[in-house]
Amino acid sequence: MKKRIEEVAPGITSEVIALQTTMLYDPNTGDAQIIFAGTPCLFNGSTYVGPGGGAYPISLTLSAIAQECFGEGLDPITGADLSKVSVLGAVSLIKAAFAKSYDAAYDAPPPIEA
């Protein structure tokens, strides 16, 4: 078993962090493939010094983890309890962030309601 965080030399820690996360959303099903690109990152104390090895990709479906609440602590901006936010709730926030950012970037009119 590969530990996510381990000391590899005195004062040097390797932590596998998902430097890139991709969500391939399917509008027909509402499901998504979520791919975490885990990469070992080396730290000298608390200073990031660079990547330190090969990738550890993890691929999951949204439907498999939608009801999970992985958050810990409080949102640093709102103070909301992150342990009460489901993965599906986080995906909803990402979708809303994209919609608002797209509208702001392209000055799009509001969508036509059917």
Protein backbone atom coordinates (compact mmCIF):
# COMPACT_ATOMS: atom_id res chain seq x y z
CA MET A 1 0.00 0.00 0.00
CA LYS A 2 1.36 3.43 -0.96
CA LYS A 3 1.00 6.01 1.81
CA ARG A 4 -0.35 9.36 0.63
CA ILE A 5 2.03 11.23 2.94
CA GLU A 6 5.44 9.88 3.93
CA GLU A 7 8.84 11.11 5.01
CA VAL A 8 11.33 10.16 2.28
CA ALA A 9 14.43 11.74 3.88
CA PRO A 10 15.08 13.78 7.01
CA GLY A 11 12.95 16.92 6.68
CA ILE A 12 11.67 15.90 3.21
CA THR A 13 8.06 14.78 2.88
CA SER A 14 6.29 13.34 -0.16
CA GLU A 15 2.56 14.02 -0.33
CA VAL A 16 0.43 12.68 -3.19
CA ILE A 17 -1.81 15.59 -4.23
CA ALA A 18 -4.32 15.72 -7.09
CA LEU A 19 -2.69 18.62 -8.95
CA GLN A 20 -5.30 18.21 -11.68
CA THR A 21 -8.88 16.93 -11.38
CA THR A 22 -10.99 16.34 -14.47
CA MET A 23 -14.76 15.90 -14.49
CA LEU A 24 -16.31 14.52 -17.67
CA TYR A 25 -20.00 15.35 -17.19
CA ASP A 26 -22.72 13.58 -19.20
CA PRO A 27 -25.77 15.88 -19.54
CA ASN A 28 -27.92 12.94 -20.68
CA THR A 29 -27.43 10.91 -17.51
CA GLY A 30 -26.35 13.56 -15.00
CA ASP A 31 -23.45 11.30 -14.11
CA ALA A 32 -19.77 12.11 -14.52
CA GLN A 33 -16.40 10.44 -14.63
CA ILE A 34 -14.10 12.09 -12.10
CA ILE A 35 -10.37 11.61 -12.58
CA PHE A 36 -7.93 12.69 -9.89
CA ALA A 37 -4.36 12.97 -11.21
CA GLY A 38 -2.49 12.23 -8.01
CA THR A 39 1.15 13.33 -8.16
CA PRO A 40 3.79 12.95 -5.46
CA CYS A 41 4.87 16.43 -4.36
CA LEU A 42 8.06 16.96 -2.37
CA PHE A 43 8.17 19.36 0.55
CA ASN A 44 11.21 20.58 2.46
CA GLY A 45 9.49 21.41 5.72
CA SER A 46 6.44 23.36 4.52
CA THR A 47 8.07 24.57 1.27
CA TYR A 48 6.99 22.86 -1.95
CA VAL A 49 10.07 21.93 -3.98
CA GLY A 50 8.52 20.10 -6.93
CA PRO A 51 7.10 16.84 -8.19
CA GLY A 52 8.68 13.67 -6.95
CA GLY A 53 7.64 10.65 -8.97
CA GLY A 54 5.05 9.05 -11.18
CA ALA A 55 1.32 9.60 -11.21
CA TYR A 56 -1.30 7.81 -9.15
CA PRO A 57 -4.55 8.36 -11.08
CA ILE A 58 -7.89 7.54 -9.49
CA SER A 59 -11.03 7.33 -11.63
CA LEU A 60 -14.49 7.31 -10.03
CA THR A 61 -18.04 7.93 -11.16
CA LEU A 62 -20.05 10.74 -9.64
CA SER A 63 -22.92 8.33 -8.94
CA ALA A 64 -20.61 6.13 -6.84
CA ILE A 65 -19.59 8.96 -4.48
CA ALA A 66 -22.38 11.56 -4.89
CA GLN A 67 -23.78 11.06 -1.38
CA GLU A 68 -20.39 11.06 0.38
CA CYS A 69 -19.35 14.01 2.53
CA PHE A 70 -15.55 14.12 2.47
CA GLY A 71 -15.12 17.72 3.65
CA GLU A 72 -13.47 18.61 6.92
CA GLY A 73 -13.39 21.85 8.83
CA LEU A 74 -14.98 25.11 7.79
CA ASP A 75 -15.19 27.00 4.51
CA PRO A 76 -12.51 29.71 4.87
CA ILE A 77 -14.81 32.37 3.36
CA THR A 78 -18.31 31.59 4.65
CA GLY A 79 -17.58 29.51 7.72
CA ALA A 80 -19.95 26.77 6.46
CA ASP A 81 -19.39 23.29 7.85
CA LEU A 82 -17.73 21.38 4.99
CA SER A 83 -18.55 18.01 6.55
CA LYS A 84 -22.15 18.63 5.50
CA VAL A 85 -21.41 19.22 1.79
CA SER A 86 -21.90 16.15 -0.41
CA VAL A 87 -19.88 15.45 -3.53
CA LEU A 88 -23.06 16.13 -5.55
CA GLY A 89 -23.34 19.49 -3.77
CA ALA A 90 -19.72 20.30 -4.68
CA VAL A 91 -20.41 19.39 -8.33
CA SER A 92 -23.45 21.68 -8.26
CA LEU A 93 -21.20 24.49 -7.01
CA ILE A 94 -18.68 23.83 -9.81
CA LYS A 95 -21.45 23.87 -12.43
CA ALA A 96 -22.81 27.15 -11.01
CA ALA A 97 -19.31 28.68 -10.94
CA PHE A 98 -18.86 27.78 -14.62
CA ALA A 99 -22.27 29.19 -15.59
CA LYS A 100 -21.66 32.52 -13.83
CA SER A 101 -18.08 32.76 -15.11
CA TYR A 102 -19.17 31.98 -18.67
CA ASP A 103 -21.93 34.58 -18.55
CA ALA A 104 -19.52 37.18 -17.16
CA ALA A 105 -16.83 36.35 -19.73
CA TYR A 106 -19.09 36.30 -22.75
CA ASP A 107 -21.87 38.63 -21.59
CA ALA A 108 -24.39 35.93 -22.45
CA PRO A 109 -28.09 36.67 -22.10
CA PRO A 110 -29.93 34.51 -19.57
CA PRO A 111 -31.04 31.12 -20.88
CA ILE A 112 -34.52 30.80 -22.35
CA GLU A 113 -36.77 28.82 -20.06
CA ALA A 114 -38.92 26.18 -21.71
